[in-house]
Structures are given as structure tokens and as C-alpha cells.
Amino acid sequence: MFAHPTKVRELILQTPVHKEPFFAFPGYRAALRWEFGELPSFLNYILKEFYNHEMQGVNFHSNIICPQEKLIKSRLVPHVDDMNFGFSIWMNTPEEMSTQKLMPGTAFYRHKIYDTCSLDIEKNPDKYDSFVKEYQDTWGNEELVSFDSDNIDTDVWEKYFLSPMIYNTMVLYPGKLFHQAFVKPNYFPNCERISLAGLPK
């Protein structure tokens, strides 16, 4: 990925952020106005080669999650995004990850009741609204719980793939896939979950 990932990591950690949760996750993010060298060209190549998608641009942001903090239980429900694609480039160093037997990362799920792994918001707005009302807005209510991604309704969700966090690598995925940040207790006992994330347009 990056020839000098340490410099990218330092940039992300030095970027000013508002100290408030985003999307009800315990963490912070900030828009980044840099192009990051050849990264946009690389993303465009992947999208054209494998998805037949011509990228018009990309928005970068820092994405820092604090797994030691509590979160609203309903935020553990897998979700889909109102975008064509999303990506994360992992910036946690091997030293921060070396004590873990199971890797954190991004998990992808099948919705057993819908019998699907995806839900296109643009093409199915009514179905998406029903999904949010039934699964994201009500499950667990406002109960605060530890950040454990396995604490979901297994009668509804089946995890079928975990893209592991490996320093200076990227996961890129269609936004319509059900997915979630995958974190377990003690995965990050002394640090945040750090990534450079973005939304290709």
C-alpha cells in the first residue's frame, strides 16, 4: 500500500477532530483534503477492472474508534451504506496487534430473514427504511454495552467473511453489503482502532 505508512499514520493522528461520537460509535473522524499520491488512480483502476465503475472522485477521512468505551447496543447491528463503495486502509501497527489471537477488521454478514447479503438503499428505499426501523432503531434500544461485535441477534445475522486488519493494507467493498467494524473486548486494550477511510464516487 503506502511506501511510508508511518507518515500517513502520523498525519491521521495529528489531524484535528471534534471530540464527539460519529454515527453513535465511540470515536472520531475528520475530513482530509489531501490526494495521497497515486491512491486515487489505484482506486480507480480497481473499480474499473473488477466492478466496471468509473470513479469520479474520492473523499478521504480519518476514522478512529475507541473500543474501550461503551456504545449503544443497536450500533452493533450490521448496516449498509448510502454509497457505491467504501474502503479502509489499516493504520494500527503490528506492535499494537501482536498480542491478539483473533484479528479485528471489517465483518460481512448475511441477513437470514431477507436471505441476502446486500440491500441497495437507492434501489430499495422502502425496504431499507423498514430494515432500519426493525433492526437498527429498536434492537437493544439505548442500552450501553461493551464493544463486542458478536453481541448480535444470531437468529437474524450470519457472519460469512472477516477481512482482517493488517497494517498498511486496504479493504474495499460495495456499500450495499451488510457489514460492520469487527471488534472484541481486549482487541485494543491500550489504543484506538485507526484507519484512513474513504468513499469513492
C-alpha atoms as a PDB file:
ATOM      1  CA  MET A   1       0.000   0.000   0.000  1.00  0.00           C
ATOM      2  CA  PHE A   2       1.810   3.192   1.150  1.00  0.00           C
ATOM      3  CA  ALA A   3       5.581   3.380   0.739  1.00  0.00           C
ATOM      4  CA  HIS A   4       5.768   5.366   4.010  1.00  0.00           C
ATOM      5  CA  PRO A   5       2.777   4.272   6.131  1.00  0.00           C
ATOM      6  CA  THR A   6       4.250   5.782   9.310  1.00  0.00           C
ATOM      7  CA  LYS A   7       3.909   9.271   7.820  1.00  0.00           C
ATOM      8  CA  VAL A   8       0.291   8.621   6.853  1.00  0.00           C
ATOM      9  CA  ARG A   9      -0.461   7.331  10.337  1.00  0.00           C
ATOM     10  CA  GLU A  10       1.130  10.420  11.906  1.00  0.00           C
ATOM     11  CA  LEU A  11      -0.917  12.668   9.630  1.00  0.00           C
ATOM     12  CA  ILE A  12      -4.146  10.923  10.649  1.00  0.00           C
ATOM     13  CA  LEU A  13      -3.333  11.140  14.353  1.00  0.00           C
ATOM     14  CA  GLN A  14      -2.362  14.821  14.107  1.00  0.00           C
ATOM     15  CA  THR A  15      -5.483  15.878  12.213  1.00  0.00           C
ATOM     16  CA  PRO A  16      -7.778  17.993  14.422  1.00  0.00           C
ATOM     17  CA  VAL A  17     -11.093  16.283  15.193  1.00  0.00           C
ATOM     18  CA  HIS A  18     -14.229  17.142  17.107  1.00  0.00           C
ATOM     19  CA  LYS A  19     -14.312  15.085  20.267  1.00  0.00           C
ATOM     20  CA  GLU A  20     -17.739  13.605  19.761  1.00  0.00           C
ATOM     21  CA  PRO A  21     -19.027  10.210  18.595  1.00  0.00           C
ATOM     22  CA  PHE A  22     -19.847   9.677  14.926  1.00  0.00           C
ATOM     23  CA  PHE A  23     -22.786   7.512  13.908  1.00  0.00           C
ATOM     24  CA  ALA A  24     -23.151   6.607  17.618  1.00  0.00           C
ATOM     25  CA  PHE A  25     -19.772   4.833  17.616  1.00  0.00           C
ATOM     26  CA  PRO A  26     -17.303   5.802  20.336  1.00  0.00           C
ATOM     27  CA  GLY A  27     -14.801   7.565  18.147  1.00  0.00           C
ATOM     28  CA  TYR A  28     -13.842  10.469  15.958  1.00  0.00           C
ATOM     29  CA  ARG A  29     -13.347  11.362  12.323  1.00  0.00           C
ATOM     30  CA  ALA A  30     -12.220  14.304  10.250  1.00  0.00           C
ATOM     31  CA  ALA A  31     -12.333  15.131   6.539  1.00  0.00           C
ATOM     32  CA  LEU A  32      -8.907  15.091   4.896  1.00  0.00           C
ATOM     33  CA  ARG A  33      -8.189  17.362   1.920  1.00  0.00           C
ATOM     34  CA  TRP A  34      -5.121  15.529   0.614  1.00  0.00           C
ATOM     35  CA  GLU A  35      -4.908  13.367  -2.509  1.00  0.00           C
ATOM     36  CA  PHE A  36      -2.488  10.788  -1.022  1.00  0.00           C
ATOM     37  CA  GLY A  37      -0.303  10.474  -4.101  1.00  0.00           C
ATOM     38  CA  GLU A  38      -1.313   7.726  -6.515  1.00  0.00           C
ATOM     39  CA  LEU A  39      -4.052   6.325  -4.278  1.00  0.00           C
ATOM     40  CA  PRO A  40      -6.971   7.801  -6.291  1.00  0.00           C
ATOM     41  CA  SER A  41      -5.539   6.331  -9.516  1.00  0.00           C
ATOM     42  CA  PHE A  42      -5.079   2.982  -7.794  1.00  0.00           C
ATOM     43  CA  LEU A  43      -8.669   3.005  -6.530  1.00  0.00           C
ATOM     44  CA  ASN A  44      -9.974   3.930  -9.961  1.00  0.00           C
ATOM     45  CA  TYR A  45      -8.024   1.054 -11.528  1.00  0.00           C
ATOM     46  CA  ILE A  46      -9.507  -1.470  -9.091  1.00  0.00           C
ATOM     47  CA  LEU A  47     -13.058  -0.181  -9.567  1.00  0.00           C
ATOM     48  CA  LYS A  48     -12.760  -0.229 -13.367  1.00  0.00           C
ATOM     49  CA  GLU A  49     -11.056  -3.610 -13.504  1.00  0.00           C
ATOM     50  CA  PHE A  50     -13.293  -5.527 -11.092  1.00  0.00           C
ATOM     51  CA  TYR A  51     -16.547  -3.524 -10.857  1.00  0.00           C
ATOM     52  CA  ASN A  52     -16.774  -1.766 -14.239  1.00  0.00           C
ATOM     53  CA  HIS A  53     -17.135   1.508 -12.326  1.00  0.00           C
ATOM     54  CA  GLU A  54     -15.522   4.770 -13.439  1.00  0.00           C
ATOM     55  CA  MET A  55     -14.579   6.756 -10.332  1.00  0.00           C
ATOM     56  CA  GLN A  56     -15.421  10.473 -10.451  1.00  0.00           C
ATOM     57  CA  GLY A  57     -13.587  11.378  -7.245  1.00  0.00           C
ATOM     58  CA  VAL A  58     -12.966  10.253  -3.689  1.00  0.00           C
ATOM     59  CA  ASN A  59     -13.470  11.717  -0.212  1.00  0.00           C
ATOM     60  CA  PHE A  60     -10.887  10.761   2.406  1.00  0.00           C
ATOM     61  CA  HIS A  61     -11.331  10.928   6.158  1.00  0.00           C
ATOM     62  CA  SER A  62      -9.645   9.737   9.309  1.00  0.00           C
ATOM     63  CA  ASN A  63     -11.603   7.077  11.164  1.00  0.00           C
ATOM     64  CA  ILE A  64     -10.663   6.500  14.788  1.00  0.00           C
ATOM     65  CA  ILE A  65     -12.732   4.213  17.011  1.00  0.00           C
ATOM     66  CA  CYS A  66     -12.234   3.909  20.776  1.00  0.00           C
ATOM     67  CA  PRO A  67     -13.187   0.285  21.512  1.00  0.00           C
ATOM     68  CA  GLN A  68     -12.662   0.629  25.268  1.00  0.00           C
ATOM     69  CA  GLU A  69     -15.714   2.887  25.529  1.00  0.00           C
ATOM     70  CA  LYS A  70     -19.334   1.748  25.724  1.00  0.00           C
ATOM     71  CA  LEU A  71     -21.666   2.070  22.763  1.00  0.00           C
ATOM     72  CA  ILE A  72     -25.397   1.822  22.125  1.00  0.00           C
ATOM     73  CA  LYS A  73     -26.242  -1.831  21.565  1.00  0.00           C
ATOM     74  CA  SER A  74     -28.202  -1.164  18.380  1.00  0.00           C
ATOM     75  CA  ARG A  75     -24.998   0.162  16.758  1.00  0.00           C
ATOM     76  CA  LEU A  76     -23.680  -3.411  16.747  1.00  0.00           C
ATOM     77  CA  VAL A  77     -26.299  -4.305  14.135  1.00  0.00           C
ATOM     78  CA  PRO A  78     -24.670  -4.738  10.677  1.00  0.00           C
ATOM     79  CA  HIS A  79     -25.521  -1.951   8.261  1.00  0.00           C
ATOM     80  CA  VAL A  80     -25.357  -0.882   4.642  1.00  0.00           C
ATOM     81  CA  ASP A  81     -24.151   2.484   3.370  1.00  0.00           C
ATOM     82  CA  ASP A  82     -25.683   5.069   1.073  1.00  0.00           C
ATOM     83  CA  MET A  83     -22.718   4.949  -1.289  1.00  0.00           C
ATOM     84  CA  ASN A  84     -21.396   2.829  -4.134  1.00  0.00           C
ATOM     85  CA  PHE A  85     -18.178   1.799  -2.407  1.00  0.00           C
ATOM     86  CA  GLY A  86     -16.217   2.279   0.772  1.00  0.00           C
ATOM     87  CA  PHE A  87     -12.693   1.437   1.856  1.00  0.00           C
ATOM     88  CA  SER A  88     -10.416   1.416   4.877  1.00  0.00           C
ATOM     89  CA  ILE A  89      -6.622   1.368   4.989  1.00  0.00           C
ATOM     90  CA  TRP A  90      -5.480  -0.010   8.325  1.00  0.00           C
ATOM     91  CA  MET A  91      -3.046   2.123  10.306  1.00  0.00           C
ATOM     92  CA  ASN A  92      -2.651   0.129  13.541  1.00  0.00           C
ATOM     93  CA  THR A  93       0.945  -1.060  13.759  1.00  0.00           C
ATOM     94  CA  PRO A  94       1.941  -4.738  14.129  1.00  0.00           C
ATOM     95  CA  GLU A  95       3.050  -3.987  17.693  1.00  0.00           C
ATOM     96  CA  GLU A  96      -0.477  -2.866  18.562  1.00  0.00           C
ATOM     97  CA  MET A  97      -1.920  -6.028  17.057  1.00  0.00           C
ATOM     98  CA  SER A  98       0.683  -8.621  18.011  1.00  0.00           C
ATOM     99  CA  THR A  99      -0.955  -9.906  21.195  1.00  0.00           C
ATOM    100  CA  GLN A 100      -4.246 -10.805  19.528  1.00  0.00           C
ATOM    101  CA  LYS A 101      -5.067 -14.374  18.563  1.00  0.00           C
ATOM    102  CA  LEU A 102      -8.078 -13.300  16.501  1.00  0.00           C
ATOM    103  CA  MET A 103      -7.827 -10.345  14.163  1.00  0.00           C
ATOM    104  CA  PRO A 104     -10.217  -7.399  14.232  1.00  0.00           C
ATOM    105  CA  GLY A 105     -11.266  -5.915  10.921  1.00  0.00           C
ATOM    106  CA  THR A 106     -14.421  -5.499   8.840  1.00  0.00           C
ATOM    107  CA  ALA A 107     -17.002  -8.279   9.010  1.00  0.00           C
ATOM    108  CA  PHE A 108     -19.625  -9.040   6.354  1.00  0.00           C
ATOM    109  CA  TYR A 109     -22.993 -10.632   7.114  1.00  0.00           C
ATOM    110  CA  ARG A 110     -25.946 -12.435   5.592  1.00  0.00           C
ATOM    111  CA  HIS A 111     -29.399 -11.369   6.725  1.00  0.00           C
ATOM    112  CA  LYS A 112     -31.120 -14.724   7.334  1.00  0.00           C
ATOM    113  CA  ILE A 113     -34.688 -13.413   7.172  1.00  0.00           C
ATOM    114  CA  TYR A 114     -34.128 -11.439   3.961  1.00  0.00           C
ATOM    115  CA  ASP A 115     -31.866 -14.281   2.751  1.00  0.00           C
ATOM    116  CA  THR A 116     -29.407 -11.798   1.286  1.00  0.00           C
ATOM    117  CA  CYS A 117     -26.014 -10.258   1.922  1.00  0.00           C
ATOM    118  CA  SER A 118     -26.912  -6.877   0.456  1.00  0.00           C
ATOM    119  CA  LEU A 119     -29.513  -4.128   0.445  1.00  0.00           C
ATOM    120  CA  ASP A 120     -29.233  -1.340  -2.124  1.00  0.00           C
ATOM    121  CA  ILE A 121     -30.562   1.835  -0.495  1.00  0.00           C
ATOM    122  CA  GLU A 122     -31.044   3.679  -3.788  1.00  0.00           C
ATOM    123  CA  LYS A 123     -32.993   0.855  -5.423  1.00  0.00           C
ATOM    124  CA  ASN A 124     -34.882  -0.282  -2.290  1.00  0.00           C
ATOM    125  CA  PRO A 125     -35.549   2.801  -0.121  1.00  0.00           C
ATOM    126  CA  ASP A 126     -38.765   1.408   1.378  1.00  0.00           C
ATOM    127  CA  LYS A 127     -37.137  -1.895   2.286  1.00  0.00           C
ATOM    128  CA  TYR A 128     -34.181  -0.029   3.769  1.00  0.00           C
ATOM    129  CA  ASP A 129     -36.494   2.142   5.899  1.00  0.00           C
ATOM    130  CA  SER A 130     -38.215  -1.000   7.174  1.00  0.00           C
ATOM    131  CA  PHE A 131     -34.843  -2.578   7.949  1.00  0.00           C
ATOM    132  CA  VAL A 132     -33.673   0.455   9.948  1.00  0.00           C
ATOM    133  CA  LYS A 133     -36.921   0.624  11.907  1.00  0.00           C
ATOM    134  CA  GLU A 134     -36.951  -3.078  12.722  1.00  0.00           C
ATOM    135  CA  TYR A 135     -33.281  -3.817  13.345  1.00  0.00           C
ATOM    136  CA  GLN A 136     -31.225  -0.675  13.868  1.00  0.00           C
ATOM    137  CA  ASP A 137     -33.544   1.702  15.685  1.00  0.00           C
ATOM    138  CA  THR A 138     -35.116  -0.742  18.130  1.00  0.00           C
ATOM    139  CA  TRP A 139     -32.774  -3.676  18.784  1.00  0.00           C
ATOM    140  CA  GLY A 140     -31.192  -3.105  22.167  1.00  0.00           C
ATOM    141  CA  ASN A 141     -32.833   0.324  22.429  1.00  0.00           C
ATOM    142  CA  GLU A 142     -30.407   2.763  24.081  1.00  0.00           C
ATOM    143  CA  GLU A 143     -28.699   0.173  26.269  1.00  0.00           C
ATOM    144  CA  LEU A 144     -24.966   0.857  26.668  1.00  0.00           C
ATOM    145  CA  VAL A 145     -22.808  -2.233  26.257  1.00  0.00           C
ATOM    146  CA  SER A 146     -19.173  -3.181  25.779  1.00  0.00           C
ATOM    147  CA  PHE A 147     -17.898  -3.138  22.207  1.00  0.00           C
ATOM    148  CA  ASP A 148     -18.325  -6.804  21.256  1.00  0.00           C
ATOM    149  CA  SER A 149     -19.312  -7.348  17.637  1.00  0.00           C
ATOM    150  CA  ASP A 150     -20.502 -10.887  18.385  1.00  0.00           C
ATOM    151  CA  ASN A 151     -23.244  -9.451  20.601  1.00  0.00           C
ATOM    152  CA  ILE A 152     -25.825  -9.501  17.795  1.00  0.00           C
ATOM    153  CA  ASP A 153     -29.020 -11.431  17.102  1.00  0.00           C
ATOM    154  CA  THR A 154     -27.738 -14.693  15.596  1.00  0.00           C
ATOM    155  CA  ASP A 155     -31.289 -15.627  14.595  1.00  0.00           C
ATOM    156  CA  VAL A 156     -31.070 -12.761  12.097  1.00  0.00           C
ATOM    157  CA  TRP A 157     -27.375 -12.438  11.237  1.00  0.00           C
ATOM    158  CA  GLU A 158     -24.733 -14.835   9.979  1.00  0.00           C
ATOM    159  CA  LYS A 159     -21.138 -13.634   9.620  1.00  0.00           C
ATOM    160  CA  TYR A 160     -19.691 -15.152   6.457  1.00  0.00           C
ATOM    161  CA  PHE A 161     -16.435 -13.239   5.978  1.00  0.00           C
ATOM    162  CA  LEU A 162     -13.978 -11.238   8.048  1.00  0.00           C
ATOM    163  CA  SER A 163     -11.461  -9.009   6.291  1.00  0.00           C
ATOM    164  CA  PRO A 164      -8.672  -8.776   8.878  1.00  0.00           C
ATOM    165  CA  MET A 165      -6.863  -5.625   9.898  1.00  0.00           C
ATOM    166  CA  ILE A 166      -3.308  -5.917   8.624  1.00  0.00           C
ATOM    167  CA  TYR A 167      -1.089  -2.860   8.851  1.00  0.00           C
ATOM    168  CA  ASN A 168      -0.940  -0.795   5.649  1.00  0.00           C
ATOM    169  CA  THR A 169      -3.433  -2.920   3.699  1.00  0.00           C
ATOM    170  CA  MET A 170      -6.849  -1.974   2.329  1.00  0.00           C
ATOM    171  CA  VAL A 171     -10.336  -3.449   2.297  1.00  0.00           C
ATOM    172  CA  LEU A 172     -12.653  -2.080  -0.425  1.00  0.00           C
ATOM    173  CA  TYR A 173     -16.298  -3.154  -0.674  1.00  0.00           C
ATOM    174  CA  PRO A 174     -19.665  -2.213  -2.222  1.00  0.00           C
ATOM    175  CA  GLY A 175     -21.644  -0.080   0.220  1.00  0.00           C
ATOM    176  CA  LYS A 176     -24.773  -2.209  -0.240  1.00  0.00           C
ATOM    177  CA  LEU A 177     -23.181  -5.190   1.561  1.00  0.00           C
ATOM    178  CA  PHE A 178     -24.191  -5.714   5.195  1.00  0.00           C
ATOM    179  CA  HIS A 179     -21.028  -5.039   7.179  1.00  0.00           C
ATOM    180  CA  GLN A 180     -19.689  -3.785  10.466  1.00  0.00           C
ATOM    181  CA  ALA A 181     -16.459  -2.894  12.225  1.00  0.00           C
ATOM    182  CA  PHE A 182     -15.456  -6.119  13.969  1.00  0.00           C
ATOM    183  CA  VAL A 183     -14.170  -5.592  17.500  1.00  0.00           C
ATOM    184  CA  LYS A 184     -13.984  -7.879  20.527  1.00  0.00           C
ATOM    185  CA  PRO A 185     -13.186  -6.979  24.142  1.00  0.00           C
ATOM    186  CA  ASN A 186      -9.440  -6.569  24.691  1.00  0.00           C
ATOM    187  CA  TYR A 187      -8.685  -6.322  20.962  1.00  0.00           C
ATOM    188  CA  PHE A 188      -7.472  -2.773  21.576  1.00  0.00           C
ATOM    189  CA  PRO A 189      -6.778  -2.506  25.317  1.00  0.00           C
ATOM    190  CA  ASN A 190      -4.350   0.415  25.034  1.00  0.00           C
ATOM    191  CA  CYS A 191      -5.025   2.158  21.738  1.00  0.00           C
ATOM    192  CA  GLU A 192      -7.629   3.223  19.216  1.00  0.00           C
ATOM    193  CA  ARG A 193      -8.680   1.462  16.016  1.00  0.00           C
ATOM    194  CA  ILE A 194      -7.081   3.668  13.368  1.00  0.00           C
ATOM    195  CA  SER A 195      -7.739   3.817   9.642  1.00  0.00           C
ATOM    196  CA  LEU A 196      -7.663   6.058   6.627  1.00  0.00           C
ATOM    197  CA  ALA A 197     -11.122   5.620   5.141  1.00  0.00           C
ATOM    198  CA  GLY A 198     -12.839   6.915   2.077  1.00  0.00           C
ATOM    199  CA  LEU A 199     -15.822   6.999  -0.251  1.00  0.00           C
ATOM    200  CA  PRO A 200     -15.124   6.670  -3.983  1.00  0.00           C
ATOM    201  CA  LYS A 201     -17.747   8.497  -6.044  1.00  0.00           C
END
